[in-house]
Amino acid sequence: MAGNVNQPQPGQVTAPASRHVLRSGWTALAAVLMIFGGAMAIFEGIAALAKDDLLVRTADYTFSFSLTGWGWIHLILGIVLVLAGCALFGGAVWARALGVVLAGLSLIANFLWLPYYPFWAITLIAVNIFIIWALCAGSFREASRP
């Protein structure tokens, strides 16, 4: 009897081994936010690349960069964030660490993007903070489960 303690009992549903990454709701939230934040960054990059005169820049800002360069940075970061979010849904463990790094880079990029589009940048800063928090909280809670 003692040998059957960890064995599935009749009628008991067991989770597939490939879904162990999404055991936590925080990981699922992080994946959704990564896809959402990445899509918003893609739109931000397209807006900067399509029309340079669409965005108004604050004069005398400490960080003065080319709007086209920022467009490419946001576009590439957004694409990689969306792909990492999809990989996290697929069960890739590496996507958690990559998500924290990419969300941190996107957070810094959006901080520097503040003079061009402040409301959008503040929104994406908040989304990236939630992504980092959800990925880190999800891994801690999943590690403490039996």
N, C-alpha and C. Protein backbone atom coordinates (compact mmCIF):
# COMPACT_ATOMS: atom_id res chain seq x y z
N MET A 1 0.80 -1.19 0.00
CA MET A 1 0.00 0.00 0.00
C MET A 1 0.85 1.26 0.00
N ALA A 2 1.96 1.26 0.75
CA ALA A 2 2.78 2.46 0.84
C ALA A 2 3.44 2.78 -0.50
N GLY A 3 3.62 1.78 -1.36
CA GLY A 3 4.25 2.01 -2.65
C GLY A 3 3.34 2.69 -3.65
N ASN A 4 2.04 2.68 -3.42
CA ASN A 4 1.09 3.26 -4.36
C ASN A 4 0.68 4.69 -3.99
N VAL A 5 1.36 5.32 -3.08
CA VAL A 5 0.96 6.65 -2.63
C VAL A 5 1.07 7.68 -3.74
N ASN A 6 2.14 7.66 -4.52
CA ASN A 6 2.34 8.65 -5.58
C ASN A 6 1.79 8.21 -6.93
N GLN A 7 1.19 7.04 -7.00
CA GLN A 7 0.61 6.55 -8.24
C GLN A 7 -0.75 7.17 -8.46
N PRO A 8 -1.14 7.47 -9.72
CA PRO A 8 -2.48 8.00 -9.98
C PRO A 8 -3.54 6.97 -9.62
N GLN A 9 -4.55 7.42 -8.96
CA GLN A 9 -5.66 6.56 -8.57
C GLN A 9 -6.67 6.48 -9.71
N PRO A 10 -7.51 5.45 -9.77
CA PRO A 10 -8.51 5.36 -10.82
C PRO A 10 -9.44 6.57 -10.77
N GLY A 11 -9.69 7.16 -11.91
CA GLY A 11 -10.58 8.31 -12.01
C GLY A 11 -9.87 9.64 -11.74
N GLN A 12 -8.58 9.60 -11.36
CA GLN A 12 -7.84 10.81 -11.07
C GLN A 12 -7.23 11.34 -12.36
N VAL A 13 -7.39 12.63 -12.61
CA VAL A 13 -6.84 13.26 -13.80
C VAL A 13 -5.45 13.78 -13.48
N THR A 14 -4.49 13.42 -14.33
CA THR A 14 -3.12 13.91 -14.13
C THR A 14 -2.80 14.90 -15.23
N ALA A 15 -2.01 15.92 -14.88
CA ALA A 15 -1.60 16.94 -15.84
C ALA A 15 -0.46 16.41 -16.70
N PRO A 16 -0.47 16.72 -17.99
CA PRO A 16 0.66 16.30 -18.83
C PRO A 16 1.95 16.96 -18.37
N ALA A 17 3.06 16.27 -18.53
CA ALA A 17 4.35 16.77 -18.07
C ALA A 17 4.79 18.02 -18.82
N SER A 18 4.35 18.20 -20.08
CA SER A 18 4.78 19.36 -20.85
C SER A 18 4.10 20.64 -20.39
N ARG A 19 3.08 20.57 -19.60
CA ARG A 19 2.37 21.75 -19.14
C ARG A 19 2.83 22.21 -17.76
N HIS A 20 3.95 21.69 -17.26
CA HIS A 20 4.38 22.04 -15.91
C HIS A 20 4.75 23.51 -15.77
N VAL A 21 5.10 24.18 -16.86
CA VAL A 21 5.48 25.58 -16.79
C VAL A 21 4.28 26.47 -16.48
N LEU A 22 3.12 26.09 -16.97
CA LEU A 22 1.93 26.91 -16.76
C LEU A 22 1.11 26.47 -15.56
N ARG A 23 1.73 25.87 -14.56
CA ARG A 23 1.01 25.48 -13.36
C ARG A 23 0.48 26.69 -12.62
N SER A 24 1.18 27.77 -12.70
CA SER A 24 0.81 28.97 -11.97
C SER A 24 0.02 29.92 -12.86
N GLY A 25 -0.94 30.57 -12.26
CA GLY A 25 -1.68 31.60 -12.99
C GLY A 25 -0.80 32.80 -13.29
N TRP A 26 0.25 33.00 -12.47
CA TRP A 26 1.15 34.13 -12.71
C TRP A 26 1.93 33.95 -14.00
N THR A 27 2.30 32.71 -14.30
CA THR A 27 3.02 32.45 -15.54
C THR A 27 2.13 32.71 -16.74
N ALA A 28 0.87 32.30 -16.65
CA ALA A 28 -0.07 32.56 -17.74
C ALA A 28 -0.30 34.06 -17.90
N LEU A 29 -0.42 34.78 -16.77
CA LEU A 29 -0.58 36.23 -16.83
C LEU A 29 0.64 36.87 -17.48
N ALA A 30 1.82 36.41 -17.12
CA ALA A 30 3.04 36.96 -17.72
C ALA A 30 3.08 36.70 -19.22
N ALA A 31 2.67 35.51 -19.65
CA ALA A 31 2.66 35.20 -21.08
C ALA A 31 1.70 36.10 -21.84
N VAL A 32 0.52 36.32 -21.28
CA VAL A 32 -0.47 37.21 -21.92
C VAL A 32 0.07 38.63 -21.98
N LEU A 33 0.65 39.10 -20.87
CA LEU A 33 1.20 40.46 -20.84
C LEU A 33 2.39 40.61 -21.77
N MET A 34 3.19 39.56 -21.92
CA MET A 34 4.31 39.63 -22.86
C MET A 34 3.81 39.77 -24.29
N ILE A 35 2.78 39.03 -24.64
CA ILE A 35 2.22 39.13 -25.99
C ILE A 35 1.58 40.50 -26.19
N PHE A 36 0.83 40.96 -25.19
CA PHE A 36 0.18 42.27 -25.28
C PHE A 36 1.21 43.39 -25.33
N GLY A 37 2.18 43.37 -24.42
CA GLY A 37 3.21 44.41 -24.40
C GLY A 37 4.07 44.39 -25.65
N GLY A 38 4.36 43.20 -26.15
CA GLY A 38 5.13 43.09 -27.39
C GLY A 38 4.37 43.65 -28.58
N ALA A 39 3.06 43.37 -28.64
CA ALA A 39 2.24 43.91 -29.73
C ALA A 39 2.18 45.43 -29.66
N MET A 40 2.08 45.97 -28.45
CA MET A 40 2.06 47.43 -28.30
C MET A 40 3.40 48.03 -28.71
N ALA A 41 4.50 47.36 -28.38
CA ALA A 41 5.82 47.85 -28.78
C ALA A 41 5.99 47.78 -30.31
N ILE A 42 5.41 46.75 -30.92
CA ILE A 42 5.45 46.66 -32.39
C ILE A 42 4.72 47.85 -33.01
N PHE A 43 3.55 48.17 -32.49
CA PHE A 43 2.80 49.32 -33.01
C PHE A 43 3.56 50.62 -32.77
N GLU A 44 4.23 50.71 -31.63
CA GLU A 44 5.04 51.88 -31.31
C GLU A 44 6.18 52.02 -32.32
N GLY A 45 6.83 50.92 -32.63
CA GLY A 45 7.91 50.95 -33.61
C GLY A 45 7.43 51.29 -35.00
N ILE A 46 6.29 50.74 -35.39
CA ILE A 46 5.72 51.05 -36.71
C ILE A 46 5.36 52.52 -36.80
N ALA A 47 4.78 53.07 -35.73
CA ALA A 47 4.41 54.49 -35.72
C ALA A 47 5.65 55.37 -35.87
N ALA A 48 6.74 54.98 -35.23
CA ALA A 48 7.96 55.78 -35.33
C ALA A 48 8.62 55.65 -36.70
N LEU A 49 8.50 54.48 -37.32
CA LEU A 49 9.11 54.28 -38.63
C LEU A 49 8.27 54.85 -39.76
N ALA A 50 6.96 54.78 -39.63
CA ALA A 50 6.07 55.20 -40.71
C ALA A 50 6.11 56.70 -40.95
N LYS A 51 6.00 57.45 -39.87
CA LYS A 51 5.96 58.90 -40.01
C LYS A 51 6.75 59.52 -38.88
N ASP A 52 7.85 60.14 -39.22
CA ASP A 52 8.66 60.78 -38.18
C ASP A 52 7.96 61.99 -37.57
N ASP A 53 7.07 62.63 -38.33
CA ASP A 53 6.41 63.83 -37.80
C ASP A 53 5.13 63.50 -37.02
N LEU A 54 4.80 62.23 -36.89
CA LEU A 54 3.62 61.83 -36.13
C LEU A 54 3.81 62.05 -34.64
N LEU A 55 5.01 61.79 -34.15
CA LEU A 55 5.31 61.92 -32.74
C LEU A 55 6.00 63.24 -32.47
N VAL A 56 5.58 63.91 -31.42
CA VAL A 56 6.17 65.19 -31.05
C VAL A 56 7.20 64.95 -29.96
N ARG A 57 8.35 65.53 -30.12
CA ARG A 57 9.43 65.33 -29.16
C ARG A 57 9.55 66.55 -28.26
N THR A 58 9.76 66.29 -26.98
CA THR A 58 9.97 67.35 -26.01
C THR A 58 11.34 67.97 -26.23
N ALA A 59 11.38 69.28 -26.24
CA ALA A 59 12.66 69.96 -26.42
C ALA A 59 13.50 69.86 -25.15
N ASP A 60 14.80 69.89 -25.30
CA ASP A 60 15.75 69.89 -24.19
C ASP A 60 15.63 68.66 -23.31
N TYR A 61 15.38 67.53 -23.90
CA TYR A 61 15.36 66.28 -23.12
C TYR A 61 16.77 65.73 -23.09
N THR A 62 17.15 65.16 -22.00
CA THR A 62 18.52 64.68 -21.81
C THR A 62 18.91 63.64 -22.85
N PHE A 63 17.99 62.71 -23.13
CA PHE A 63 18.28 61.62 -24.07
C PHE A 63 17.67 61.97 -25.42
N SER A 64 18.52 62.39 -26.35
CA SER A 64 18.06 62.77 -27.68
C SER A 64 18.56 61.72 -28.68
N PHE A 65 17.61 60.98 -29.27
CA PHE A 65 17.97 59.91 -30.20
C PHE A 65 17.17 60.07 -31.49
N SER A 66 17.60 59.38 -32.52
CA SER A 66 16.89 59.37 -33.79
C SER A 66 15.58 58.61 -33.63
N LEU A 67 14.51 59.17 -34.13
CA LEU A 67 13.20 58.52 -34.02
C LEU A 67 13.16 57.24 -34.84
N THR A 68 13.84 57.20 -35.96
CA THR A 68 13.88 55.98 -36.77
C THR A 68 14.62 54.86 -36.03
N GLY A 69 15.70 55.20 -35.38
CA GLY A 69 16.44 54.21 -34.59
C GLY A 69 15.59 53.65 -33.47
N TRP A 70 14.85 54.52 -32.78
CA TRP A 70 13.97 54.04 -31.71
C TRP A 70 12.84 53.19 -32.27
N GLY A 71 12.39 53.52 -33.47
CA GLY A 71 11.35 52.70 -34.10
C GLY A 71 11.82 51.27 -34.32
N TRP A 72 13.06 51.13 -34.81
CA TRP A 72 13.60 49.78 -35.03
C TRP A 72 13.82 49.05 -33.71
N ILE A 73 14.28 49.76 -32.69
CA ILE A 73 14.49 49.13 -31.38
C ILE A 73 13.18 48.60 -30.83
N HIS A 74 12.14 49.42 -30.87
CA HIS A 74 10.84 48.98 -30.33
C HIS A 74 10.24 47.86 -31.17
N LEU A 75 10.41 47.94 -32.47
CA LEU A 75 9.87 46.90 -33.35
C LEU A 75 10.53 45.55 -33.07
N ILE A 76 11.84 45.53 -32.97
CA ILE A 76 12.56 44.27 -32.72
C ILE A 76 12.25 43.74 -31.33
N LEU A 77 12.28 44.61 -30.31
CA LEU A 77 11.95 44.18 -28.95
C LEU A 77 10.52 43.63 -28.88
N GLY A 78 9.60 44.28 -29.58
CA GLY A 78 8.21 43.83 -29.57
C GLY A 78 8.05 42.46 -30.20
N ILE A 79 8.71 42.23 -31.33
CA ILE A 79 8.61 40.93 -32.00
C ILE A 79 9.18 39.82 -31.11
N VAL A 80 10.33 40.07 -30.51
CA VAL A 80 10.95 39.05 -29.66
C VAL A 80 10.10 38.81 -28.41
N LEU A 81 9.48 39.87 -27.85
CA LEU A 81 8.61 39.70 -26.69
C LEU A 81 7.39 38.85 -27.03
N VAL A 82 6.79 39.08 -28.19
CA VAL A 82 5.63 38.28 -28.60
C VAL A 82 6.04 36.82 -28.78
N LEU A 83 7.18 36.58 -29.43
CA LEU A 83 7.64 35.21 -29.63
C LEU A 83 7.96 34.51 -28.31
N ALA A 84 8.57 35.23 -27.37
CA ALA A 84 8.87 34.64 -26.06
C ALA A 84 7.59 34.38 -25.28
N GLY A 85 6.59 35.25 -25.40
CA GLY A 85 5.30 35.01 -24.75
C GLY A 85 4.60 33.78 -25.30
N CYS A 86 4.66 33.59 -26.61
CA CYS A 86 4.09 32.39 -27.22
C CYS A 86 4.85 31.14 -26.79
N ALA A 87 6.17 31.24 -26.68
CA ALA A 87 6.98 30.11 -26.22
C ALA A 87 6.67 29.77 -24.77
N LEU A 88 6.37 30.78 -23.96
CA LEU A 88 6.00 30.53 -22.57
C LEU A 88 4.69 29.78 -22.48
N PHE A 89 3.74 30.12 -23.36
CA PHE A 89 2.50 29.35 -23.44
C PHE A 89 2.76 27.92 -23.89
N GLY A 90 3.76 27.74 -24.74
CA GLY A 90 4.10 26.41 -25.24
C GLY A 90 4.83 25.55 -24.23
N GLY A 91 5.23 26.12 -23.11
CA GLY A 91 5.88 25.33 -22.07
C GLY A 91 7.39 25.44 -22.03
N ALA A 92 7.96 26.39 -22.75
CA ALA A 92 9.42 26.55 -22.76
C ALA A 92 9.90 27.19 -21.47
N VAL A 93 10.80 26.52 -20.78
CA VAL A 93 11.32 27.02 -19.51
C VAL A 93 12.24 28.22 -19.74
N TRP A 94 12.99 28.22 -20.84
CA TRP A 94 13.91 29.31 -21.15
C TRP A 94 13.17 30.62 -21.39
N ALA A 95 11.89 30.55 -21.75
CA ALA A 95 11.13 31.76 -22.05
C ALA A 95 10.90 32.60 -20.80
N ARG A 96 10.92 31.97 -19.62
CA ARG A 96 10.75 32.72 -18.37
C ARG A 96 11.94 33.67 -18.15
N ALA A 97 13.15 33.16 -18.27
CA ALA A 97 14.34 34.00 -18.08
C ALA A 97 14.46 35.04 -19.19
N LEU A 98 14.19 34.61 -20.42
CA LEU A 98 14.24 35.55 -21.53
C LEU A 98 13.19 36.64 -21.37
N GLY A 99 12.02 36.28 -20.84
CA GLY A 99 10.96 37.26 -20.62
C GLY A 99 11.36 38.31 -19.61
N VAL A 100 12.04 37.92 -18.55
CA VAL A 100 12.50 38.89 -17.54
C VAL A 100 13.52 39.84 -18.16
N VAL A 101 14.45 39.30 -18.94
CA VAL A 101 15.48 40.13 -19.57
C VAL A 101 14.85 41.08 -20.59
N LEU A 102 13.97 40.56 -21.44
CA LEU A 102 13.35 41.39 -22.47
C LEU A 102 12.43 42.44 -21.87
N ALA A 103 11.69 42.09 -20.83
CA ALA A 103 10.83 43.07 -20.18
C ALA A 103 11.66 44.17 -19.54
N GLY A 104 12.82 43.81 -18.99
CA GLY A 104 13.72 44.83 -18.42
C GLY A 104 14.26 45.76 -19.50
N LEU A 105 14.66 45.19 -20.63
CA LEU A 105 15.15 46.02 -21.74
C LEU A 105 14.04 46.92 -22.29
N SER A 106 12.84 46.36 -22.40
CA SER A 106 11.71 47.15 -22.89
C SER A 106 11.35 48.25 -21.90
N LEU A 107 11.49 47.97 -20.62
CA LEU A 107 11.22 48.97 -19.59
C LEU A 107 12.19 50.15 -19.74
N ILE A 108 13.46 49.85 -19.93
CA ILE A 108 14.46 50.91 -20.12
C ILE A 108 14.20 51.68 -21.41
N ALA A 109 13.90 50.96 -22.48
CA ALA A 109 13.62 51.62 -23.76
C ALA A 109 12.40 52.54 -23.66
N ASN A 110 11.38 52.11 -22.94
CA ASN A 110 10.19 52.95 -22.81
C ASN A 110 10.42 54.13 -21.87
N PHE A 111 11.32 53.98 -20.91
CA PHE A 111 11.69 55.12 -20.08
C PHE A 111 12.36 56.19 -20.94
N LEU A 112 13.24 55.76 -21.83
CA LEU A 112 13.91 56.71 -22.72
C LEU A 112 12.97 57.23 -23.81
N TRP A 113 11.85 56.56 -24.03
CA TRP A 113 10.86 56.92 -25.04
C TRP A 113 9.86 57.95 -24.51
N LEU A 114 9.91 58.26 -23.22
CA LEU A 114 8.94 59.15 -22.58
C LEU A 114 8.71 60.49 -23.30
N PRO A 115 9.73 61.17 -23.81
CA PRO A 115 9.45 62.46 -24.44
C PRO A 115 8.70 62.36 -25.76
N TYR A 116 8.72 61.19 -26.39
CA TYR A 116 8.08 61.05 -27.69
C TYR A 116 6.59 60.74 -27.57
N TYR A 117 6.25 59.86 -26.64
CA TYR A 117 4.85 59.43 -26.50
C TYR A 117 4.63 59.04 -25.04
N PRO A 118 4.41 60.02 -24.15
CA PRO A 118 4.44 59.76 -22.70
C PRO A 118 3.38 58.78 -22.20
N PHE A 119 2.14 58.91 -22.64
CA PHE A 119 1.09 58.03 -22.12
C PHE A 119 1.36 56.57 -22.50
N TRP A 120 1.71 56.36 -23.74
CA TRP A 120 2.00 55.01 -24.23
C TRP A 120 3.21 54.42 -23.51
N ALA A 121 4.24 55.24 -23.31
CA ALA A 121 5.46 54.77 -22.64
C ALA A 121 5.18 54.40 -21.19
N ILE A 122 4.39 55.21 -20.49
CA ILE A 122 4.06 54.91 -19.09
C ILE A 122 3.23 53.63 -19.01
N THR A 123 2.32 53.44 -19.95
CA THR A 123 1.52 52.22 -19.98
C THR A 123 2.41 51.00 -20.17
N LEU A 124 3.35 51.08 -21.10
CA LEU A 124 4.24 49.94 -21.35
C LEU A 124 5.23 49.73 -20.21
N ILE A 125 5.62 50.78 -19.52
CA ILE A 125 6.47 50.62 -18.34
C ILE A 125 5.72 49.81 -17.28
N ALA A 126 4.46 50.15 -17.06
CA ALA A 126 3.65 49.40 -16.08
C ALA A 126 3.46 47.95 -16.50
N VAL A 127 3.21 47.71 -17.78
CA VAL A 127 3.04 46.34 -18.28
C VAL A 127 4.33 45.55 -18.07
N ASN A 128 5.47 46.15 -18.36
CA ASN A 128 6.75 45.45 -18.19
C ASN A 128 7.06 45.16 -16.73
N ILE A 129 6.68 46.05 -15.83
CA ILE A 129 6.86 45.79 -14.40
C ILE A 129 6.01 44.60 -13.99
N PHE A 130 4.77 44.54 -14.46
CA PHE A 130 3.90 43.40 -14.15
C PHE A 130 4.43 42.10 -14.74
N ILE A 131 5.02 42.16 -15.94
CA ILE A 131 5.61 40.96 -16.54
C ILE A 131 6.73 40.42 -15.67
N ILE A 132 7.64 41.30 -15.27
CA ILE A 132 8.76 40.86 -14.43
C ILE A 132 8.25 40.30 -13.12
N TRP A 133 7.31 40.97 -12.51
CA TRP A 133 6.76 40.51 -11.23
C TRP A 133 6.07 39.15 -11.38
N ALA A 134 5.26 39.01 -12.43
CA ALA A 134 4.53 37.75 -12.62
C ALA A 134 5.47 36.59 -12.92
N LEU A 135 6.51 36.83 -13.69
CA LEU A 135 7.45 35.75 -14.00
C LEU A 135 8.25 35.35 -12.76
N CYS A 136 8.63 36.32 -11.97
CA CYS A 136 9.41 36.00 -10.76
C CYS A 136 8.52 35.40 -9.67
N ALA A 137 7.31 35.91 -9.49
CA ALA A 137 6.40 35.37 -8.47
C ALA A 137 5.94 33.97 -8.86
N GLY A 138 5.71 33.74 -10.15
CA GLY A 138 5.27 32.42 -10.60
C GLY A 138 6.31 31.36 -10.38
N SER A 139 7.58 31.67 -10.62
CA SER A 139 8.63 30.67 -10.44
C SER A 139 8.84 30.37 -8.96
N PHE A 140 8.70 31.37 -8.08
CA PHE A 140 8.86 31.14 -6.65
C PHE A 140 7.73 30.26 -6.13
N ARG A 141 6.53 30.53 -6.53
CA ARG A 141 5.39 29.75 -6.05
C ARG A 141 5.40 28.34 -6.62
N GLU A 142 5.84 28.19 -7.86
CA GLU A 142 5.90 26.86 -8.46
C GLU A 142 6.99 26.03 -7.81
N ALA A 143 8.09 26.65 -7.42
CA ALA A 143 9.17 25.91 -6.79
C ALA A 143 8.80 25.45 -5.39
N SER A 144 7.90 26.17 -4.73
CA SER A 144 7.54 25.80 -3.36
C SER A 144 6.42 24.76 -3.31
N ARG A 145 5.85 24.41 -4.46
CA ARG A 145 4.80 23.37 -4.49
C ARG A 145 5.41 22.00 -4.33
N PRO A 146 4.66 21.09 -3.70
CA PRO A 146 5.19 19.72 -3.54
C PRO A 146 5.21 18.96 -4.84
